Amino acid sequence: TASDHERDEEEIIQNHLELTEPLLPKSDADDDNLEEEVEDNLPCASRMLFFQSIYFLSGLSASTWGRFGIVYYDQVKHLSSEEIGVLQGLLRLVGFVTLPFWGYIA
């Protein structure tokens, strides 16, 4: 009974060790491959900076249009307050409907 209990504990520990061991053994070649991967990702960092810049400029233009679009509609296009409200609401609705599909495509 006591030896059975100890044997059960040893089996549990052994099973735990088997589950926590890495699937592939670590070797010195893995370190070399890691360095090559880091070097290969350098162009990726410059691409990431490009996309971050585009995202920033997109937000900047959206915030600017959000502020002055209403003035444009009022003074240049001579729309009424109700028409501007409907137009702004439609812009939000179109974004609400299309963004999930755009995210799915991406």
N, C-alpha and C. Protein backbone atom coordinates (compact mmCIF):
# COMPACT_ATOMS: atom_id res chain seq x y z
N THR A 1 0.83 -1.20 0.00
CA THR A 1 0.00 0.00 0.00
C THR A 1 0.87 1.25 0.00
N ALA A 2 1.82 1.33 0.92
CA ALA A 2 2.72 2.49 0.93
C ALA A 2 3.61 2.46 -0.30
N SER A 3 4.08 1.27 -0.68
CA SER A 3 4.93 1.17 -1.87
C SER A 3 4.11 1.43 -3.13
N ASP A 4 2.83 1.01 -3.12
CA ASP A 4 1.96 1.31 -4.26
C ASP A 4 1.76 2.82 -4.41
N HIS A 5 1.59 3.47 -3.27
CA HIS A 5 1.41 4.92 -3.28
C HIS A 5 2.67 5.61 -3.81
N GLU A 6 3.86 5.16 -3.39
CA GLU A 6 5.11 5.74 -3.86
C GLU A 6 5.28 5.48 -5.36
N ARG A 7 4.91 4.29 -5.82
CA ARG A 7 5.02 3.95 -7.22
C ARG A 7 4.07 4.84 -8.05
N ASP A 8 2.87 5.08 -7.53
CA ASP A 8 1.93 5.95 -8.23
C ASP A 8 2.47 7.38 -8.34
N GLU A 9 3.09 7.85 -7.26
CA GLU A 9 3.67 9.19 -7.28
C GLU A 9 4.80 9.28 -8.30
N GLU A 10 5.63 8.22 -8.35
CA GLU A 10 6.73 8.21 -9.32
C GLU A 10 6.20 8.20 -10.76
N GLU A 11 5.11 7.49 -11.00
CA GLU A 11 4.52 7.47 -12.34
C GLU A 11 3.97 8.85 -12.71
N ILE A 12 3.36 9.50 -11.74
CA ILE A 12 2.83 10.85 -11.99
C ILE A 12 3.97 11.81 -12.31
N ILE A 13 5.04 11.74 -11.56
CA ILE A 13 6.19 12.61 -11.80
C ILE A 13 6.80 12.31 -13.16
N GLN A 14 6.95 11.02 -13.49
CA GLN A 14 7.52 10.64 -14.79
C GLN A 14 6.64 11.13 -15.94
N ASN A 15 5.32 10.97 -15.80
CA ASN A 15 4.41 11.44 -16.84
C ASN A 15 4.49 12.96 -16.99
N HIS A 16 4.62 13.65 -15.86
CA HIS A 16 4.74 15.11 -15.89
C HIS A 16 6.03 15.52 -16.60
N LEU A 17 7.13 14.84 -16.32
CA LEU A 17 8.39 15.16 -16.96
C LEU A 17 8.32 14.91 -18.46
N GLU A 18 7.65 13.85 -18.87
CA GLU A 18 7.53 13.56 -20.29
C GLU A 18 6.71 14.64 -20.99
N LEU A 19 5.71 15.17 -20.31
CA LEU A 19 4.87 16.19 -20.92
C LEU A 19 5.57 17.55 -20.99
N THR A 20 6.48 17.82 -20.04
CA THR A 20 7.11 19.13 -20.01
C THR A 20 8.41 19.17 -20.79
N GLU A 21 8.94 18.04 -21.26
CA GLU A 21 10.16 18.05 -22.05
C GLU A 21 9.85 18.67 -23.41
N PRO A 22 10.82 19.38 -23.98
CA PRO A 22 10.57 19.95 -25.31
C PRO A 22 10.39 18.85 -26.35
N LEU A 23 9.64 19.14 -27.38
CA LEU A 23 9.38 18.15 -28.40
C LEU A 23 10.65 17.84 -29.21
N LEU A 24 11.47 18.85 -29.45
CA LEU A 24 12.71 18.64 -30.17
C LEU A 24 13.88 18.92 -29.24
N PRO A 25 14.91 18.09 -29.27
CA PRO A 25 16.06 18.34 -28.40
C PRO A 25 16.78 19.62 -28.81
N LYS A 26 17.29 20.35 -27.82
CA LYS A 26 18.01 21.59 -28.09
C LYS A 26 19.44 21.26 -28.44
N SER A 27 19.94 21.90 -29.45
CA SER A 27 21.32 21.69 -29.87
C SER A 27 21.96 23.03 -30.17
N ASP A 28 23.27 23.02 -30.41
CA ASP A 28 23.98 24.25 -30.75
C ASP A 28 23.53 24.78 -32.10
N ALA A 29 23.11 23.88 -32.99
CA ALA A 29 22.63 24.30 -34.31
C ALA A 29 21.39 25.16 -34.19
N ASP A 30 20.58 24.92 -33.16
CA ASP A 30 19.37 25.73 -32.96
C ASP A 30 19.74 27.18 -32.68
N ASP A 31 20.82 27.41 -31.92
CA ASP A 31 21.26 28.77 -31.63
C ASP A 31 21.68 29.49 -32.91
N ASP A 32 22.38 28.78 -33.81
CA ASP A 32 22.79 29.37 -35.08
C ASP A 32 21.58 29.74 -35.92
N ASN A 33 20.58 28.85 -35.94
CA ASN A 33 19.37 29.13 -36.71
C ASN A 33 18.63 30.33 -36.16
N LEU A 34 18.66 30.49 -34.83
CA LEU A 34 17.99 31.62 -34.21
C LEU A 34 18.65 32.93 -34.63
N GLU A 35 19.99 32.94 -34.68
CA GLU A 35 20.69 34.15 -35.10
C GLU A 35 20.37 34.47 -36.56
N GLU A 36 20.27 33.43 -37.41
CA GLU A 36 19.93 33.67 -38.81
C GLU A 36 18.51 34.22 -38.93
N GLU A 37 17.59 33.72 -38.12
CA GLU A 37 16.22 34.21 -38.16
C GLU A 37 16.15 35.67 -37.76
N VAL A 38 16.94 36.06 -36.75
CA VAL A 38 16.95 37.45 -36.30
C VAL A 38 17.48 38.34 -37.42
N GLU A 39 18.54 37.88 -38.10
CA GLU A 39 19.09 38.66 -39.19
C GLU A 39 18.10 38.75 -40.35
N ASP A 40 17.36 37.68 -40.60
CA ASP A 40 16.37 37.69 -41.67
C ASP A 40 15.20 38.61 -41.37
N ASN A 41 14.95 38.89 -40.09
CA ASN A 41 13.81 39.72 -39.71
C ASN A 41 14.11 41.21 -39.76
N LEU A 42 15.35 41.59 -40.06
CA LEU A 42 15.67 43.01 -40.13
C LEU A 42 14.87 43.73 -41.21
N PRO A 43 14.73 43.20 -42.42
CA PRO A 43 13.86 43.88 -43.37
C PRO A 43 12.41 43.95 -42.88
N CYS A 44 12.02 42.97 -42.10
CA CYS A 44 10.66 42.96 -41.55
C CYS A 44 10.45 44.17 -40.63
N ALA A 45 11.49 44.55 -39.90
CA ALA A 45 11.38 45.69 -38.99
C ALA A 45 11.17 46.98 -39.79
N SER A 46 11.84 47.12 -40.92
CA SER A 46 11.65 48.33 -41.72
C SER A 46 10.26 48.34 -42.35
N ARG A 47 9.76 47.15 -42.74
CA ARG A 47 8.40 47.08 -43.26
C ARG A 47 7.40 47.43 -42.18
N MET A 48 7.68 46.99 -40.95
CA MET A 48 6.78 47.28 -39.84
C MET A 48 6.74 48.79 -39.58
N LEU A 49 7.88 49.46 -39.68
CA LEU A 49 7.91 50.91 -39.50
C LEU A 49 7.08 51.59 -40.59
N PHE A 50 7.15 51.08 -41.81
CA PHE A 50 6.35 51.63 -42.90
C PHE A 50 4.87 51.53 -42.58
N PHE A 51 4.41 50.34 -42.15
CA PHE A 51 3.00 50.15 -41.86
C PHE A 51 2.56 50.96 -40.64
N GLN A 52 3.44 51.11 -39.66
CA GLN A 52 3.12 51.94 -38.51
C GLN A 52 2.95 53.40 -38.93
N SER A 53 3.78 53.85 -39.86
CA SER A 53 3.68 55.22 -40.35
C SER A 53 2.37 55.43 -41.11
N ILE A 54 2.01 54.45 -41.94
CA ILE A 54 0.76 54.55 -42.69
C ILE A 54 -0.42 54.58 -41.72
N TYR A 55 -0.38 53.73 -40.68
CA TYR A 55 -1.46 53.70 -39.69
C TYR A 55 -1.56 55.05 -38.97
N PHE A 56 -0.42 55.61 -38.61
CA PHE A 56 -0.41 56.92 -37.94
C PHE A 56 -1.00 57.99 -38.84
N LEU A 57 -0.58 58.03 -40.10
CA LEU A 57 -1.10 59.03 -41.02
C LEU A 57 -2.59 58.85 -41.29
N SER A 58 -3.03 57.59 -41.32
CA SER A 58 -4.45 57.32 -41.49
C SER A 58 -5.25 57.88 -40.32
N GLY A 59 -4.79 57.65 -39.12
CA GLY A 59 -5.46 58.19 -37.93
C GLY A 59 -5.44 59.70 -37.90
N LEU A 60 -4.32 60.27 -38.33
CA LEU A 60 -4.20 61.73 -38.36
C LEU A 60 -5.19 62.33 -39.36
N SER A 61 -5.28 61.72 -40.53
CA SER A 61 -6.22 62.26 -41.53
C SER A 61 -7.67 62.06 -41.09
N ALA A 62 -7.96 60.92 -40.45
CA ALA A 62 -9.33 60.68 -39.98
C ALA A 62 -9.72 61.67 -38.89
N SER A 63 -8.80 61.97 -37.99
CA SER A 63 -9.14 62.92 -36.93
C SER A 63 -9.30 64.33 -37.49
N THR A 64 -8.51 64.67 -38.49
CA THR A 64 -8.64 65.99 -39.10
C THR A 64 -9.96 66.10 -39.85
N TRP A 65 -10.31 65.09 -40.63
CA TRP A 65 -11.58 65.12 -41.37
C TRP A 65 -12.76 65.13 -40.39
N GLY A 66 -12.62 64.39 -39.29
CA GLY A 66 -13.70 64.36 -38.30
C GLY A 66 -13.97 65.74 -37.72
N ARG A 67 -12.93 66.52 -37.56
CA ARG A 67 -13.10 67.87 -36.99
C ARG A 67 -13.65 68.86 -38.02
N PHE A 68 -13.09 68.82 -39.22
CA PHE A 68 -13.40 69.87 -40.19
C PHE A 68 -14.37 69.42 -41.28
N GLY A 69 -14.75 68.15 -41.30
CA GLY A 69 -15.70 67.67 -42.29
C GLY A 69 -17.05 68.33 -42.14
N ILE A 70 -17.46 68.54 -40.91
CA ILE A 70 -18.76 69.18 -40.65
C ILE A 70 -18.75 70.63 -41.14
N VAL A 71 -17.66 71.32 -40.92
CA VAL A 71 -17.54 72.70 -41.41
C VAL A 71 -17.59 72.71 -42.94
N TYR A 72 -16.93 71.75 -43.57
CA TYR A 72 -16.95 71.65 -45.03
C TYR A 72 -18.36 71.41 -45.53
N TYR A 73 -19.06 70.47 -44.91
CA TYR A 73 -20.43 70.18 -45.34
C TYR A 73 -21.34 71.39 -45.16
N ASP A 74 -21.12 72.12 -44.08
CA ASP A 74 -21.99 73.27 -43.77
C ASP A 74 -21.69 74.46 -44.67
N GLN A 75 -20.44 74.86 -44.77
CA GLN A 75 -20.11 76.11 -45.46
C GLN A 75 -19.86 75.93 -46.95
N VAL A 76 -19.34 74.80 -47.39
CA VAL A 76 -19.03 74.62 -48.81
C VAL A 76 -20.18 73.93 -49.53
N LYS A 77 -20.71 72.86 -48.94
CA LYS A 77 -21.78 72.09 -49.59
C LYS A 77 -23.17 72.58 -49.20
N HIS A 78 -23.24 73.45 -48.20
CA HIS A 78 -24.49 74.05 -47.75
C HIS A 78 -25.54 72.99 -47.37
N LEU A 79 -25.12 71.99 -46.61
CA LEU A 79 -26.04 70.97 -46.14
C LEU A 79 -26.65 71.42 -44.82
N SER A 80 -27.87 70.96 -44.54
CA SER A 80 -28.51 71.30 -43.27
C SER A 80 -27.92 70.42 -42.16
N SER A 81 -28.24 70.79 -40.92
CA SER A 81 -27.74 70.03 -39.78
C SER A 81 -28.23 68.58 -39.82
N GLU A 82 -29.47 68.39 -40.24
CA GLU A 82 -30.02 67.03 -40.32
C GLU A 82 -29.29 66.19 -41.37
N GLU A 83 -29.01 66.81 -42.52
CA GLU A 83 -28.30 66.09 -43.59
C GLU A 83 -26.88 65.73 -43.16
N ILE A 84 -26.23 66.64 -42.47
CA ILE A 84 -24.87 66.36 -41.97
C ILE A 84 -24.92 65.22 -40.97
N GLY A 85 -25.91 65.23 -40.08
CA GLY A 85 -26.05 64.17 -39.09
C GLY A 85 -26.29 62.82 -39.73
N VAL A 86 -27.16 62.78 -40.75
CA VAL A 86 -27.43 61.53 -41.44
C VAL A 86 -26.16 61.04 -42.15
N LEU A 87 -25.45 61.96 -42.79
CA LEU A 87 -24.23 61.59 -43.50
C LEU A 87 -23.17 61.05 -42.54
N GLN A 88 -22.99 61.71 -41.41
CA GLN A 88 -22.02 61.24 -40.41
C GLN A 88 -22.45 59.89 -39.83
N GLY A 89 -23.73 59.72 -39.60
CA GLY A 89 -24.22 58.44 -39.10
C GLY A 89 -24.02 57.32 -40.10
N LEU A 90 -24.26 57.62 -41.38
CA LEU A 90 -24.04 56.60 -42.42
C LEU A 90 -22.58 56.20 -42.53
N LEU A 91 -21.69 57.17 -42.38
CA LEU A 91 -20.26 56.84 -42.41
C LEU A 91 -19.90 55.86 -41.29
N ARG A 92 -20.43 56.10 -40.10
CA ARG A 92 -20.16 55.20 -38.97
C ARG A 92 -20.79 53.84 -39.19
N LEU A 93 -22.01 53.82 -39.74
CA LEU A 93 -22.70 52.57 -40.00
C LEU A 93 -21.98 51.72 -41.04
N VAL A 94 -21.51 52.36 -42.09
CA VAL A 94 -20.77 51.63 -43.12
C VAL A 94 -19.49 51.03 -42.52
N GLY A 95 -18.80 51.79 -41.69
CA GLY A 95 -17.61 51.26 -41.02
C GLY A 95 -17.94 50.10 -40.11
N PHE A 96 -19.04 50.23 -39.38
CA PHE A 96 -19.46 49.18 -38.45
C PHE A 96 -19.78 47.88 -39.18
N VAL A 97 -20.37 48.01 -40.35
CA VAL A 97 -20.76 46.82 -41.12
C VAL A 97 -19.58 46.22 -41.88
N THR A 98 -18.73 47.06 -42.47
CA THR A 98 -17.68 46.55 -43.35
C THR A 98 -16.40 46.15 -42.63
N LEU A 99 -16.08 46.73 -41.49
CA LEU A 99 -14.82 46.41 -40.82
C LEU A 99 -14.69 44.94 -40.42
N PRO A 100 -15.73 44.27 -39.92
CA PRO A 100 -15.56 42.84 -39.64
C PRO A 100 -15.23 42.01 -40.90
N PHE A 101 -15.83 42.37 -42.03
CA PHE A 101 -15.51 41.65 -43.26
C PHE A 101 -14.08 41.94 -43.70
N TRP A 102 -13.65 43.17 -43.55
CA TRP A 102 -12.28 43.53 -43.90
C TRP A 102 -11.29 42.77 -43.00
N GLY A 103 -11.61 42.67 -41.72
CA GLY A 103 -10.75 41.92 -40.80
C GLY A 103 -10.72 40.44 -41.16
N TYR A 104 -11.83 39.90 -41.60
CA TYR A 104 -11.86 38.49 -42.00
C TYR A 104 -11.01 38.25 -43.23
N ILE A 105 -11.07 39.18 -44.18
CA ILE A 105 -10.26 39.05 -45.40
C ILE A 105 -8.77 39.15 -45.07
N ALA A 106 -8.43 40.06 -44.17
CA ALA A 106 -7.01 40.24 -43.82
C ALA A 106 -6.50 39.05 -43.10
